[in-house]
Amino acid sequence: MARVSDWVSSKKNQGLLLASIGMGAMTSARADLPEVEQPSRGGSGILELWQNYGYDVILLLALAVCSIAFLGVAYHSFNVYGEVQTRKATWGQFGATVGVGGILLVLVIWMVTKASEIL
């Protein structure tokens, strides 16, 4: 037992031990990697493939913009609802906030859809 602890305490042997453990972990980690997903519009050449990947990234960013708009409307609506509960605002103001926010969301989604058709 003393020999094993002496062998492991050596800096050179620690590096060798870590390298062998790391190599074993890497080979098992690379065993069943999934294949790369093709873009939504496909692509026959390398240039067309990258353009279609760019299209997918832009659509993902557009979805993020719609999500941020929804969160902004929801946050403002909750604030106005809190003001209604403390009697600093009226139910009419709350209804107007929700109505205008809904129209804003419809416009954002419509504009993002039109922009994706241009691409």
Foldseek 3Di string as FASTA:
>chain_A
DVVVVVQCPDPVSVVVVVVVVVVVVVVVVPPDDDDDDFAPVHDDDPVRRVVSVVLVVLLVVLVVVLVVLVVVLVVVLVVVVVCCVVVNHHVVVSVVSNVVSVVVSVVSVVVSVVVSVVD
